[in-house]
Amino acid sequence: MRDPDFEPGMVWLVGAGPGDPELLTRKAERLMRSASVIFYDALVGPGVLDLVPRGTRLVSVGKRSGRHSKDQKTIDMLIVEAALAGERVVRLKGGDPSIFGRSTEELEACRAAGVAVRICPGVTAASAAAAGLGLSLTLRGLARRLTFVTAHARAGEELDLDWQALADPQATLAIYMGKAAAPVVSKQLIEAGLAPDTPVALVENASLEEERHFTTRLDLLPLAARTALGDGPALILVGRALALGQEKPIPSADVAAPSERDQATPLRSS
């Protein structure tokens, strides 16, 4: 059936959500079923790809930290070439395309080539992580602001963030791709004034069956990231609103015994 929103020679940047196919939007699924070729990321859940009809060409262009199968310029070229050849192109991205999804490069490449391009938003990982924890990312009177940042830096470069602005005790901070940068995040936020006992949650494989949660505190974040997390994609949440998701109160920094301080608390693991 012809899709009036998806003519040959057009590109859609589609958010695949955090992994659970049931969190895919109805529009995203419709576009996937109408596509003739889908270029998909490494973080797109396998259950999402199972929804693609037989006969649709699937091309993996996934990039994971330290394991890049295609550079961004190559991805841009492949998308544009397919569209100019008359394909109906879906560029399928984990989460939401506009949140740390490198969408700008692909939008600019399409527009420079005269290719029509549009965006279909998706559920971002921070929303799925909070849902898995059973808490709200914002809380009246306690967490008035929500900030998304990426802790991914280019090889050889320091993580350059406005730590003073991020160390806001009345905000919830969602840190994408932060596993490797956990020691820097912890150190810089504390030095910028955020309390060492600020609650932290680490969520690995958000929304998937193998999802795992760990709660700790800001000063123990490096230990938790190093010992509690596996190889799955992880998101770090920082802020007082997360205390509502703790099984027991987090001890204050000046009374925690060393034996208690050297562990992360799993909320659920599988």
Protein backbone atom coordinates (compact mmCIF):
# COMPACT_ATOMS: atom_id res chain seq x y z
CA MET A 1 0.00 0.00 0.00
CA ARG A 2 1.34 3.42 -0.96
CA ASP A 3 2.28 5.65 1.98
CA PRO A 4 1.52 9.30 1.14
CA ASP A 5 4.11 10.42 3.71
CA PHE A 6 6.85 8.33 2.17
CA GLU A 7 7.50 8.81 -1.54
CA PRO A 8 10.41 7.17 -3.40
CA GLY A 9 13.57 9.22 -3.03
CA MET A 10 12.68 10.35 0.49
CA VAL A 11 14.53 9.82 3.79
CA TRP A 12 13.02 9.44 7.25
CA LEU A 13 15.19 9.58 10.37
CA VAL A 14 13.23 7.28 12.67
CA GLY A 15 13.56 6.83 16.43
CA ALA A 16 13.58 3.13 17.33
CA GLY A 17 13.19 3.82 21.04
CA PRO A 18 15.32 2.24 23.79
CA GLY A 19 15.00 -1.35 22.56
CA ASP A 20 11.63 -2.77 23.59
CA PRO A 21 9.62 -3.07 20.35
CA GLU A 22 6.44 -2.20 22.26
CA LEU A 23 7.90 1.26 22.88
CA LEU A 24 8.18 1.88 19.16
CA THR A 25 5.68 4.49 17.98
CA ARG A 26 2.94 3.49 15.57
CA LYS A 27 4.29 5.99 13.06
CA ALA A 28 7.80 4.53 13.30
CA GLU A 29 6.45 1.05 12.62
CA ARG A 30 4.42 2.30 9.66
CA LEU A 31 7.48 3.96 8.13
CA MET A 32 9.58 0.84 8.65
CA ARG A 33 6.96 -1.23 6.84
CA SER A 34 6.91 1.26 3.95
CA ALA A 35 10.68 1.51 3.53
CA SER A 36 12.61 -0.24 0.78
CA VAL A 37 15.90 0.07 2.67
CA ILE A 38 16.68 0.59 6.37
CA PHE A 39 20.05 1.73 7.67
CA TYR A 40 20.06 0.81 11.36
CA ASP A 41 22.21 1.50 14.41
CA ALA A 42 23.84 -1.01 16.76
CA LEU A 43 21.54 0.06 19.60
CA VAL A 44 18.34 -0.79 17.72
CA GLY A 45 16.72 -3.68 19.59
CA PRO A 46 16.50 -7.02 17.75
CA GLY A 47 12.78 -7.14 18.47
CA VAL A 48 12.39 -3.89 16.55
CA LEU A 49 14.11 -5.32 13.49
CA ASP A 50 11.81 -8.34 13.65
CA LEU A 51 8.99 -5.98 12.62
CA VAL A 52 10.65 -5.22 9.28
CA PRO A 53 8.87 -6.99 6.39
CA ARG A 54 10.71 -9.61 4.39
CA GLY A 55 12.22 -8.18 1.26
CA THR A 56 13.22 -4.90 2.88
CA ARG A 57 16.96 -4.37 2.59
CA LEU A 58 18.63 -4.04 6.01
CA VAL A 59 22.02 -2.35 6.27
CA SER A 60 23.90 -2.21 9.57
CA VAL A 61 25.75 1.06 10.07
CA GLY A 62 26.04 0.70 13.83
CA LYS A 63 28.60 2.59 15.86
CA ARG A 64 29.51 1.54 19.40
CA SER A 65 32.29 3.03 21.48
CA GLY A 66 35.56 1.70 20.09
CA ARG A 67 33.78 -0.44 17.48
CA HIS A 68 32.81 1.71 14.51
CA SER A 69 31.60 -0.19 11.46
CA LYS A 70 31.01 2.93 9.34
CA ASP A 71 32.19 6.51 9.79
CA GLN A 72 29.61 9.28 9.70
CA LYS A 73 30.55 10.56 6.24
CA THR A 74 30.12 7.08 4.81
CA ILE A 75 26.70 6.75 6.44
CA ASP A 76 25.68 10.13 5.01
CA MET A 77 26.81 9.03 1.55
CA LEU A 78 24.95 5.70 1.71
CA ILE A 79 21.71 7.39 2.75
CA VAL A 80 21.91 10.02 0.03
CA GLU A 81 22.87 7.53 -2.69
CA ALA A 82 19.94 5.27 -1.81
CA ALA A 83 17.50 8.17 -1.89
CA LEU A 84 18.82 9.47 -5.22
CA ALA A 85 18.35 5.95 -6.60
CA GLY A 86 14.65 6.20 -5.80
CA GLU A 87 14.61 4.15 -2.60
CA ARG A 88 12.33 4.91 0.34
CA VAL A 89 15.01 5.25 3.01
CA VAL A 90 14.63 4.82 6.76
CA ARG A 91 17.59 5.73 8.93
CA LEU A 92 16.71 3.85 12.13
CA LYS A 93 18.33 5.19 15.29
CA GLY A 94 18.18 3.96 18.86
CA GLY A 95 16.18 6.20 21.17
CA ASP A 96 15.24 9.56 19.69
CA PRO A 97 17.09 10.72 16.55
CA SER A 98 17.46 14.27 17.88
CA ILE A 99 19.08 13.33 21.20
CA PHE A 100 22.78 12.53 20.67
CA GLY A 101 21.86 10.76 17.45
CA ARG A 102 24.12 12.59 14.98
CA SER A 103 21.02 13.65 13.06
CA THR A 104 22.33 17.07 12.03
CA GLU A 105 25.01 15.60 9.78
CA GLU A 106 22.49 13.38 8.00
CA LEU A 107 19.92 16.15 7.66
CA GLU A 108 22.51 18.47 6.16
CA ALA A 109 23.80 15.80 3.76
CA CYS A 110 20.28 15.08 2.49
CA ARG A 111 19.36 18.73 2.09
CA ALA A 112 22.62 19.52 0.31
CA ALA A 113 21.79 16.79 -2.22
CA GLY A 114 18.21 17.99 -2.65
CA VAL A 115 16.77 14.94 -0.89
CA ALA A 116 13.56 15.35 1.12
CA VAL A 117 14.16 14.34 4.74
CA ARG A 118 11.96 14.24 7.82
CA ILE A 119 12.20 13.09 11.46
CA CYS A 120 10.03 10.63 13.40
CA PRO A 121 10.78 11.01 17.14
CA GLY A 122 11.21 8.10 19.53
CA VAL A 123 11.27 7.30 23.24
CA THR A 124 14.66 8.27 24.64
CA ALA A 125 16.70 6.06 26.99
CA ALA A 126 16.33 8.38 29.99
CA SER A 127 12.54 8.01 29.90
CA ALA A 128 12.81 4.22 29.67
CA ALA A 129 15.36 4.13 32.49
CA ALA A 130 13.13 6.17 34.80
CA ALA A 131 10.15 3.95 33.94
CA GLY A 132 12.16 0.86 34.80
CA LEU A 133 13.10 2.40 38.13
CA GLY A 134 9.47 3.32 38.79
CA LEU A 135 10.16 6.99 39.42
CA SER A 136 9.79 10.42 37.89
CA LEU A 137 12.73 12.33 36.46
CA THR A 138 11.23 15.56 37.78
CA LEU A 139 9.65 16.30 41.14
CA ARG A 140 7.93 19.48 42.25
CA GLY A 141 10.04 21.32 44.78
CA LEU A 142 12.98 18.94 44.49
CA ALA A 143 13.91 18.41 40.83
CA ARG A 144 12.71 21.36 38.79
CA ARG A 145 15.01 20.81 35.85
CA LEU A 146 16.03 17.86 33.68
CA THR A 147 19.32 17.96 31.80
CA PHE A 148 20.51 15.52 29.14
CA VAL A 149 24.26 15.33 28.48
CA THR A 150 26.54 12.91 26.70
CA ALA A 151 29.77 11.84 28.36
CA HIS A 152 31.25 10.58 25.11
CA ALA A 153 34.38 12.41 24.01
CA ARG A 154 36.59 11.87 20.99
CA ALA A 155 39.70 9.77 21.49
CA GLY A 156 42.41 11.79 23.18
CA GLU A 157 40.07 14.63 24.14
CA GLU A 158 38.96 15.61 27.63
CA LEU A 159 35.29 15.63 28.54
CA ASP A 160 34.45 19.32 28.20
CA LEU A 161 31.18 20.10 29.99
CA ASP A 162 29.94 23.04 32.05
CA TRP A 163 30.26 21.25 35.38
CA GLN A 164 29.18 24.27 37.42
CA ALA A 165 25.89 24.41 35.55
CA LEU A 166 25.41 20.65 35.78
CA ALA A 167 26.03 20.51 39.55
CA ASP A 168 22.53 21.76 40.31
CA PRO A 169 21.00 20.14 43.43
CA GLN A 170 17.50 20.93 42.13
CA ALA A 171 17.99 19.12 38.82
CA THR A 172 18.05 15.58 37.55
CA LEU A 173 21.00 14.85 35.31
CA ALA A 174 20.73 12.11 32.66
CA ILE A 175 24.15 11.08 31.37
CA TYR A 176 24.25 9.14 28.11
CA MET A 177 27.26 7.00 27.20
CA GLY A 178 28.72 7.68 30.63
CA LYS A 179 30.08 4.32 31.73
CA ALA A 180 33.72 4.96 30.81
CA ALA A 181 33.56 8.56 32.00
CA ALA A 182 32.09 7.76 35.43
CA PRO A 183 35.27 8.70 37.39
CA VAL A 184 35.46 12.07 35.65
CA VAL A 185 31.74 12.71 36.08
CA SER A 186 31.88 11.94 39.80
CA LYS A 187 35.01 14.01 40.44
CA GLN A 188 33.93 17.05 38.44
CA LEU A 189 30.39 17.22 39.81
CA ILE A 190 31.61 16.97 43.40
CA GLU A 191 34.30 19.60 42.80
CA ALA A 192 31.62 21.83 41.27
CA GLY A 193 29.63 21.62 44.51
CA LEU A 194 27.23 18.69 44.20
CA ALA A 195 27.02 16.72 47.46
CA PRO A 196 28.97 13.43 47.51
CA ASP A 197 25.89 11.60 48.82
CA THR A 198 23.69 12.70 45.91
CA PRO A 199 21.67 9.66 44.77
CA VAL A 200 22.76 7.98 41.55
CA ALA A 201 21.09 5.26 39.50
CA LEU A 202 22.74 3.24 36.75
CA VAL A 203 20.44 1.51 34.29
CA GLU A 204 21.86 -1.01 31.85
CA ASN A 205 19.88 -2.26 28.84
CA ALA A 206 16.91 -0.03 29.63
CA SER A 207 13.54 -1.48 28.56
CA LEU A 208 14.96 -4.88 27.56
CA GLU A 209 14.46 -8.22 29.33
CA GLU A 210 18.08 -8.10 30.52
CA GLU A 211 17.62 -4.64 32.06
CA ARG A 212 19.51 -4.15 35.33
CA HIS A 213 19.33 -1.34 37.91
CA PHE A 214 21.94 -0.27 40.42
CA THR A 215 21.69 2.55 42.93
CA THR A 216 24.59 4.22 44.66
CA ARG A 217 25.79 7.74 45.47
CA LEU A 218 27.84 10.22 43.53
CA ASP A 219 31.15 9.61 45.30
CA LEU A 220 30.81 5.85 44.71
CA LEU A 221 29.79 6.14 41.06
CA PRO A 222 33.22 5.11 39.65
CA LEU A 223 33.22 1.91 41.71
CA ALA A 224 29.65 1.08 40.74
CA ALA A 225 30.26 1.68 37.04
CA ARG A 226 33.40 -0.45 37.13
CA THR A 227 32.04 -3.40 39.10
CA ALA A 228 28.27 -3.50 38.65
CA LEU A 229 27.84 -2.93 34.93
CA GLY A 230 28.34 -5.39 32.09
CA ASP A 231 28.78 -4.77 28.38
CA GLY A 232 25.30 -3.40 27.67
CA PRO A 233 24.54 0.26 27.01
CA ALA A 234 24.12 2.13 30.28
CA LEU A 235 22.61 5.42 31.34
CA ILE A 236 23.48 7.28 34.54
CA LEU A 237 20.90 9.34 36.42
CA VAL A 238 21.98 11.79 39.11
CA GLY A 239 19.76 13.77 41.47
CA ARG A 240 17.73 13.90 44.67
CA ALA A 241 14.54 12.78 42.92
CA LEU A 242 16.16 9.35 42.56
CA ALA A 243 16.02 8.83 46.33
CA LEU A 244 12.39 7.81 45.90
CA GLY A 245 13.59 4.76 43.98
CA GLN A 246 15.93 3.55 46.70
CA GLU A 247 15.03 0.49 48.76
CA LYS A 248 16.61 2.16 51.79
CA PRO A 249 17.91 5.68 52.48
CA ILE A 250 21.39 6.48 51.27
CA PRO A 251 23.70 7.15 54.25
CA SER A 252 25.15 10.60 54.52
CA ALA A 253 28.79 11.07 53.53
CA ASP A 254 30.06 11.63 57.07
CA VAL A 255 28.54 8.50 58.65
CA ALA A 256 28.93 5.81 55.98
CA ALA A 257 31.25 3.04 57.12
CA PRO A 258 33.97 1.98 54.62
CA SER A 259 32.46 -1.49 54.24
CA GLU A 260 29.08 0.05 53.35
CA ARG A 261 30.58 2.58 51.00
CA ASP A 262 32.29 0.02 48.78
CA GLN A 263 29.21 -1.38 47.11
CA ALA A 264 26.39 -0.53 44.77
CA THR A 265 22.87 -1.63 45.63
CA PRO A 266 21.15 -3.66 42.90
CA LEU A 267 17.44 -2.94 42.65
CA ARG A 268 16.88 -5.62 40.06
CA SER A 269 19.24 -7.76 38.08
CA SER A 270 18.79 -10.64 35.70
